[in-house]
């Protein structure tokens, strides 16, 4: 769910017999806010096989932060699902590694971490 959709979701969920509020998520801090506050060089990578975060969200964030020099958005990682683990297979793990290395070679001193 995009931040811009949250208010509408709060209204729509009861109509569907459900409920949503700030306790619905472990952290309701939107990605947009988290990235706005990042001060160290950071690579934001997504996979093209993610069933939770569509490629459009990657491009939305990339466009939103296009002027923030410490954030880098490599191309979508082919075959990568939402959580990249060894179970994804060596091709996907290698593709993520190559995306990070490409960013390192571009001169961006990145800090590698996992955000959930």
Protein backbone atom coordinates (compact mmCIF):
# COMPACT_ATOMS: atom_id res chain seq x y z
CA UNK A 1 0.00 0.00 0.00
CA UNK A 2 1.36 3.40 -0.90
CA UNK A 3 1.28 6.19 1.68
CA UNK A 4 -1.09 8.15 -0.50
CA UNK A 5 -3.57 5.24 -0.28
CA UNK A 6 -3.54 4.85 3.52
CA UNK A 7 -6.36 7.31 4.34
CA UNK A 8 -8.62 5.68 1.75
CA UNK A 9 -7.73 2.21 3.06
CA UNK A 10 -8.76 3.26 6.58
CA UNK A 11 -12.19 4.14 5.17
CA UNK A 12 -12.49 1.11 2.86
CA UNK A 13 -11.37 -1.67 5.21
CA UNK A 14 -14.52 -1.58 7.43
CA UNK A 15 -16.69 -1.90 4.30
CA UNK A 16 -14.84 -5.15 3.63
CA UNK A 17 -15.32 -6.41 7.19
CA UNK A 18 -11.80 -5.53 8.25
CA UNK A 19 -9.97 -2.85 10.17
CA UNK A 20 -6.70 -0.99 9.70
CA UNK A 21 -4.84 1.48 11.90
CA UNK A 22 -1.27 2.19 12.97
CA UNK A 23 -1.08 -1.21 14.71
CA UNK A 24 -1.69 -3.02 11.40
CA UNK A 25 1.97 -2.77 10.48
CA UNK A 26 5.02 -3.47 12.61
CA UNK A 27 6.17 -0.02 11.57
CA UNK A 28 3.85 2.45 9.95
CA UNK A 29 6.67 4.77 9.02
CA UNK A 30 6.32 5.04 5.24
CA UNK A 31 9.29 4.18 3.04
CA UNK A 32 9.15 7.71 1.72
CA UNK A 33 9.73 9.10 5.22
CA UNK A 34 12.45 6.59 6.06
CA UNK A 35 14.35 7.37 2.86
CA UNK A 36 13.90 11.11 3.34
CA UNK A 37 15.78 10.79 6.63
CA UNK A 38 18.61 8.56 5.40
CA UNK A 39 21.90 10.42 5.59
CA UNK A 40 24.42 7.72 4.63
CA UNK A 41 24.91 6.46 1.06
CA UNK A 42 22.28 3.75 0.49
CA UNK A 43 21.26 1.47 -2.36
CA UNK A 44 17.51 0.83 -2.66
CA UNK A 45 17.03 -2.37 -4.65
CA UNK A 46 13.89 -4.25 -5.64
CA UNK A 47 13.23 -7.43 -7.59
CA UNK A 48 10.97 -7.82 -10.60
CA UNK A 49 9.32 -10.94 -9.08
CA UNK A 50 8.22 -9.28 -5.83
CA UNK A 51 4.52 -10.01 -5.29
CA UNK A 52 4.26 -7.41 -2.49
CA UNK A 53 6.16 -4.46 -3.94
CA UNK A 54 5.49 -3.94 -7.64
CA UNK A 55 8.13 -2.50 -9.97
CA UNK A 56 6.06 0.69 -10.17
CA UNK A 57 6.83 1.39 -6.50
CA UNK A 58 10.58 1.14 -7.19
CA UNK A 59 10.23 3.67 -9.99
CA UNK A 60 7.99 5.88 -7.82
CA UNK A 61 10.69 6.01 -5.11
CA UNK A 62 13.44 6.48 -7.68
CA UNK A 63 11.61 9.45 -9.17
CA UNK A 64 10.70 10.90 -5.78
CA UNK A 65 14.33 10.87 -4.62
CA UNK A 66 16.07 11.53 -7.93
CA UNK A 67 17.80 14.61 -6.48
CA UNK A 68 18.94 12.94 -3.25
CA UNK A 69 22.58 12.18 -4.06
CA UNK A 70 23.15 9.60 -1.32
CA UNK A 71 20.38 7.29 -2.56
CA UNK A 72 20.92 4.96 -5.48
CA UNK A 73 18.28 2.91 -7.28
CA UNK A 74 19.79 0.21 -9.53
CA UNK A 75 17.64 -1.50 -12.13
CA UNK A 76 15.19 -4.13 -10.91
CA UNK A 77 16.89 -7.42 -10.06
CA UNK A 78 15.63 -10.06 -12.50
CA UNK A 79 13.83 -12.94 -10.80
CA UNK A 80 14.14 -11.52 -7.28
CA UNK A 81 11.16 -11.91 -4.93
CA UNK A 82 10.39 -9.76 -1.87
CA UNK A 83 12.85 -11.42 0.50
CA UNK A 84 16.08 -12.49 -1.09
CA UNK A 85 17.62 -15.47 0.65
CA UNK A 86 19.78 -18.40 -0.37
CA UNK A 87 16.52 -20.24 -1.10
CA UNK A 88 16.00 -17.92 -4.09
CA UNK A 89 18.82 -19.67 -5.87
CA UNK A 90 22.31 -18.56 -6.78
CA UNK A 91 21.22 -16.58 -9.85
CA UNK A 92 19.09 -14.15 -7.82
CA UNK A 93 21.61 -13.79 -5.00
CA UNK A 94 24.34 -13.17 -7.58
CA UNK A 95 22.18 -10.59 -9.40
CA UNK A 96 21.69 -8.62 -6.17
CA UNK A 97 25.42 -8.82 -5.46
CA UNK A 98 26.19 -7.55 -8.95
CA UNK A 99 23.74 -4.65 -8.51
CA UNK A 100 25.53 -3.60 -5.31
CA UNK A 101 28.96 -3.98 -6.89
CA UNK A 102 27.90 -1.85 -9.85
CA UNK A 103 26.88 0.89 -7.42
CA UNK A 104 30.22 0.61 -5.62
CA UNK A 105 32.06 0.91 -8.93
CA UNK A 106 30.03 4.00 -9.78
CA UNK A 107 31.73 5.76 -6.87
CA UNK A 108 28.85 5.72 -4.41
CA UNK A 109 30.22 4.58 -1.02
CA UNK A 110 27.29 2.43 0.02
CA UNK A 111 26.26 0.87 3.28
CA UNK A 112 24.71 -2.55 2.76
CA UNK A 113 21.78 -3.51 4.98
CA UNK A 114 18.36 -5.06 4.91
CA UNK A 115 15.18 -3.08 5.56
CA UNK A 116 11.84 -4.67 6.26
